[in-house]
Amino acid sequence: MTDTPPRRRHSPAVYRRRRLAVLLVVLLIVAAIVLAVWRPWEGAAAQGGPTPAATTDAASAPASPTASPSAEAAEPAASDAPPADEDAEVEPCSAQSVQVSAVTDKDAYGAGELPQLSISLTNSGDAPCLLNVGTATQKLTVSSGPDVWWRSTDCQSESSDQVVQIDPGQTVSSVTPITWDRTRSSVESCGSDRPAAPAGYFNLAVEIGGLAAQQDRQFVLR
């Protein structure tokens, strides 16, 4: 009689691996069955299926009569829109519509007092108008009789443009007056010592935007 050797028993780790393998196989089979029965993305596609058909029917169907008034109503809306540049309808100011005035802060100045010179504009017309009131269009001149003593443009370092609208009856004035230092100016004497003006009567003439004041403003230096 041949002795049968005893069967070698596997370690606990081997049994655990086998049980895990069997469990994974079972889970895969169950998952395959579930996916075969329940496929939600096909259900969603089926629910959305009628939508393209309805869109196709609507496109092939004749237009409803109520759609025509809507399209026709859009045309007046475009024509009634205001123009992009509203200022294009406002005319430039003219000498007939705008009164230009020379202005000083005093009638007479004592020794050492410096005259403050400015310009005033009044729209005497019945419609608004546009005028360039920038320093590039301003010219102030101080004279005594025929002798010109000072011009604002003689030593002007920089200039600018500023177009404003003046409404009917509106009066606008210089925001910052120009100070005359009571000396004689010329384009050759800028930055150097200049002769001081003597006591006496002087006249201020102004021009702005191509429009000149009809009358000079007289003042006295004491």
Protein backbone atom coordinates (compact mmCIF):
# COMPACT_ATOMS: atom_id res chain seq x y z
CA MET A 1 0.00 0.00 0.00
CA THR A 2 1.43 3.36 -1.06
CA ASP A 3 1.28 6.09 1.45
CA THR A 4 -0.44 9.29 0.07
CA PRO A 5 1.46 12.35 1.08
CA PRO A 6 -0.62 14.85 3.05
CA ARG A 7 -2.18 17.73 0.94
CA ARG A 8 -0.43 20.96 1.49
CA ARG A 9 -2.72 23.65 2.81
CA HIS A 10 -2.53 27.14 1.25
CA SER A 11 -1.85 30.17 3.29
CA PRO A 12 -4.72 32.46 4.36
CA ALA A 13 -3.51 35.12 1.89
CA VAL A 14 -4.17 32.81 -1.05
CA TYR A 15 -7.76 32.22 0.05
CA ARG A 16 -8.37 35.92 0.42
CA ARG A 17 -7.15 36.61 -3.14
CA ARG A 18 -9.44 33.90 -4.52
CA ARG A 19 -12.46 35.29 -2.71
CA LEU A 20 -11.71 38.78 -4.05
CA ALA A 21 -11.41 37.45 -7.60
CA VAL A 22 -14.77 35.67 -7.34
CA LEU A 23 -16.39 38.80 -5.90
CA LEU A 24 -15.06 40.97 -8.76
CA VAL A 25 -16.44 38.56 -11.36
CA VAL A 26 -19.87 38.66 -9.73
CA LEU A 27 -19.84 42.48 -9.62
CA LEU A 28 -18.92 42.72 -13.30
CA ILE A 29 -21.79 40.40 -14.27
CA VAL A 30 -24.30 42.41 -12.23
CA ALA A 31 -23.06 45.69 -13.72
CA ALA A 32 -23.40 44.36 -17.27
CA ILE A 33 -27.00 43.29 -16.59
CA VAL A 34 -27.90 46.69 -15.10
CA LEU A 35 -26.40 48.64 -18.00
CA ALA A 36 -28.21 46.48 -20.54
CA VAL A 37 -31.57 47.18 -18.88
CA TRP A 38 -31.14 50.84 -17.87
CA ARG A 39 -29.47 53.18 -20.37
CA PRO A 40 -30.46 56.74 -19.36
CA TRP A 41 -28.70 58.53 -22.25
CA GLU A 42 -30.92 56.75 -24.76
CA GLY A 43 -33.98 57.74 -22.76
CA ALA A 44 -32.92 61.36 -22.80
CA ALA A 45 -32.36 61.23 -26.55
CA ALA A 46 -35.79 59.74 -27.03
CA GLN A 47 -37.41 62.49 -24.97
CA GLY A 48 -35.57 65.14 -26.95
CA GLY A 49 -36.37 63.45 -30.23
CA PRO A 50 -39.69 65.19 -30.95
CA THR A 51 -38.09 68.62 -30.57
CA PRO A 52 -36.18 68.58 -33.90
CA ALA A 53 -39.30 67.28 -35.63
CA ALA A 54 -41.36 70.13 -34.23
CA THR A 55 -38.70 72.63 -35.34
CA THR A 56 -38.73 71.17 -38.84
CA ASP A 57 -42.52 71.41 -39.00
CA ALA A 58 -42.44 75.01 -37.87
CA ALA A 59 -39.84 75.89 -40.48
CA SER A 60 -41.76 74.22 -43.29
CA ALA A 61 -45.13 75.67 -42.24
CA PRO A 62 -46.24 78.98 -43.86
CA ALA A 63 -45.51 82.11 -41.88
CA SER A 64 -48.24 83.29 -39.57
CA PRO A 65 -50.00 86.53 -40.61
CA THR A 66 -49.14 88.05 -37.23
CA ALA A 67 -45.43 87.89 -38.08
CA SER A 68 -45.68 90.52 -40.85
CA PRO A 69 -46.79 93.45 -38.64
CA SER A 70 -43.85 92.75 -36.33
CA ALA A 71 -41.35 93.01 -39.18
CA GLU A 72 -43.00 96.15 -40.56
CA ALA A 73 -43.03 97.82 -37.14
CA ALA A 74 -39.25 97.51 -36.86
CA GLU A 75 -38.61 99.86 -39.81
CA PRO A 76 -40.08 103.04 -38.23
CA ALA A 77 -38.12 102.31 -35.04
CA ALA A 78 -34.84 102.59 -36.96
CA SER A 79 -35.88 105.78 -38.77
CA ASP A 80 -37.09 107.41 -35.54
CA ALA A 81 -33.73 106.89 -33.80
CA PRO A 82 -31.85 110.14 -33.07
CA PRO A 83 -28.77 110.85 -35.16
CA ALA A 84 -25.45 109.71 -33.72
CA ASP A 85 -24.08 113.27 -33.73
CA GLU A 86 -26.73 115.58 -32.31
CA ASP A 87 -24.35 118.57 -32.43
CA ALA A 88 -24.36 118.33 -36.22
CA GLU A 89 -27.77 120.06 -36.23
CA VAL A 90 -26.52 123.07 -34.23
CA GLU A 91 -25.21 125.92 -36.38
CA PRO A 92 -21.99 127.84 -35.62
CA CYS A 93 -22.41 131.11 -33.77
CA SER A 94 -22.38 134.29 -35.83
CA ALA A 95 -21.94 137.98 -35.09
CA GLN A 96 -25.69 138.41 -35.59
CA SER A 97 -26.59 135.91 -32.85
CA VAL A 98 -23.81 136.29 -30.27
CA GLN A 99 -22.74 139.46 -28.51
CA VAL A 100 -19.09 139.57 -27.41
CA SER A 101 -18.09 141.88 -24.54
CA ALA A 102 -14.73 142.87 -23.05
CA VAL A 103 -14.75 142.65 -19.24
CA THR A 104 -12.47 144.01 -16.48
CA ASP A 105 -12.92 143.40 -12.77
CA LYS A 106 -12.62 147.13 -11.99
CA ASP A 107 -13.02 150.50 -13.64
CA ALA A 108 -9.88 151.92 -12.03
CA TYR A 109 -6.74 150.37 -10.53
CA GLY A 110 -4.48 151.84 -7.91
CA ALA A 111 -0.72 151.55 -7.95
CA GLY A 112 0.32 147.89 -7.84
CA GLU A 113 -3.16 146.55 -8.66
CA LEU A 114 -3.22 144.21 -11.66
CA PRO A 115 -6.22 144.26 -14.02
CA GLN A 116 -8.13 141.01 -14.48
CA LEU A 117 -9.24 140.73 -18.11
CA SER A 118 -11.93 138.38 -19.43
CA ILE A 119 -14.54 137.84 -22.15
CA SER A 120 -18.32 137.54 -21.92
CA LEU A 121 -20.61 135.97 -24.54
CA THR A 122 -24.39 136.30 -24.81
CA ASN A 123 -26.57 134.46 -27.30
CA SER A 124 -29.17 137.02 -28.32
CA GLY A 125 -30.63 134.80 -31.02
CA ASP A 126 -33.50 132.34 -30.84
CA ALA A 127 -31.49 129.14 -31.48
CA PRO A 128 -28.48 127.48 -29.85
CA CYS A 129 -25.14 127.79 -31.59
CA LEU A 130 -21.61 126.40 -31.34
CA LEU A 131 -18.46 128.44 -30.76
CA ASN A 132 -14.81 127.57 -30.22
CA VAL A 133 -13.92 129.42 -27.01
CA GLY A 134 -10.51 127.82 -26.51
CA THR A 135 -7.39 129.88 -25.94
CA ALA A 136 -6.41 129.24 -29.56
CA THR A 137 -9.22 131.59 -30.67
CA GLN A 138 -8.90 134.22 -27.92
CA LYS A 139 -7.19 137.54 -28.47
CA LEU A 140 -7.12 140.31 -25.87
CA THR A 141 -5.44 143.62 -26.65
CA VAL A 142 -4.70 146.53 -24.31
CA SER A 143 -3.98 149.87 -25.88
CA SER A 144 -3.76 153.51 -24.97
CA GLY A 145 -4.98 155.56 -27.89
CA PRO A 146 -3.21 154.21 -30.99
CA ASP A 147 -0.38 152.74 -28.88
CA VAL A 148 -0.76 148.97 -28.36
CA TRP A 149 0.67 148.01 -24.98
CA TRP A 150 -0.15 144.34 -24.58
CA ARG A 151 -1.49 141.36 -26.54
CA SER A 152 -2.46 138.03 -25.00
CA THR A 153 -1.00 136.20 -27.99
CA ASP A 154 2.48 137.76 -27.83
CA CYS A 155 3.92 135.41 -25.21
CA GLN A 156 1.33 132.63 -25.23
CA SER A 157 3.17 129.35 -24.57
CA GLU A 158 0.41 126.93 -25.56
CA SER A 159 -3.15 127.06 -26.83
CA SER A 160 -6.16 124.77 -26.99
CA ASP A 161 -9.56 124.44 -28.65
CA GLN A 162 -12.86 124.07 -26.79
CA VAL A 163 -16.16 124.08 -28.65
CA VAL A 164 -19.20 124.88 -26.49
CA GLN A 165 -22.91 125.26 -27.16
CA ILE A 166 -24.50 128.55 -26.17
CA ASP A 167 -28.27 128.41 -25.72
CA PRO A 168 -30.62 131.31 -26.52
CA GLY A 169 -30.45 133.98 -23.81
CA GLN A 170 -27.46 132.31 -22.15
CA THR A 171 -24.41 134.31 -21.06
CA VAL A 172 -21.04 132.65 -20.54
CA SER A 173 -17.84 134.21 -19.25
CA SER A 174 -14.19 133.29 -18.89
CA VAL A 175 -13.66 130.85 -16.03
CA THR A 176 -10.20 132.20 -15.22
CA PRO A 177 -9.47 135.84 -16.11
CA ILE A 178 -6.13 136.82 -17.62
CA THR A 179 -3.94 139.00 -15.43
CA TRP A 180 -2.19 141.90 -17.12
CA ASP A 181 1.05 142.74 -15.34
CA ARG A 182 0.90 146.37 -16.52
CA THR A 183 3.88 146.03 -18.85
CA ARG A 184 4.41 146.35 -22.59
CA SER A 185 4.47 143.03 -24.45
CA SER A 186 5.97 141.89 -27.72
CA VAL A 187 7.02 138.59 -29.20
CA GLU A 188 10.66 139.68 -28.80
CA SER A 189 10.44 140.61 -25.11
CA CYS A 190 8.93 137.42 -23.63
CA GLY A 191 10.79 136.38 -20.50
CA SER A 192 12.72 139.64 -20.20
CA ASP A 193 12.23 142.94 -18.42
CA ARG A 194 9.57 145.04 -20.09
CA PRO A 195 8.61 148.69 -19.74
CA ALA A 196 5.88 149.39 -17.17
CA ALA A 197 2.71 151.09 -18.30
CA PRO A 198 2.24 154.64 -17.04
CA ALA A 199 -0.85 155.93 -15.33
CA GLY A 200 -3.63 156.82 -17.70
CA TYR A 201 -6.61 155.53 -19.63
CA PHE A 202 -6.47 152.20 -21.43
CA ASN A 203 -8.84 150.23 -23.62
CA LEU A 204 -9.39 146.46 -23.74
CA ALA A 205 -10.42 144.93 -27.08
CA VAL A 206 -11.32 141.24 -27.29
CA GLU A 207 -11.93 138.65 -29.97
CA ILE A 208 -12.97 135.01 -29.60
CA GLY A 209 -13.95 132.32 -32.07
CA GLY A 210 -13.62 134.80 -34.91
CA LEU A 211 -16.13 137.18 -33.29
CA ALA A 212 -14.97 140.58 -32.01
CA ALA A 213 -16.54 142.82 -29.39
CA GLN A 214 -18.28 145.82 -30.87
CA GLN A 215 -17.03 148.12 -28.10
CA ASP A 216 -13.79 148.30 -26.14
CA ARG A 217 -13.75 148.29 -22.36
CA GLN A 218 -12.09 151.40 -20.90
CA PHE A 219 -10.28 151.40 -17.54
CA VAL A 220 -7.83 153.59 -15.65
CA LEU A 221 -4.40 152.90 -14.19
CA ARG A 222 -3.47 155.22 -11.33
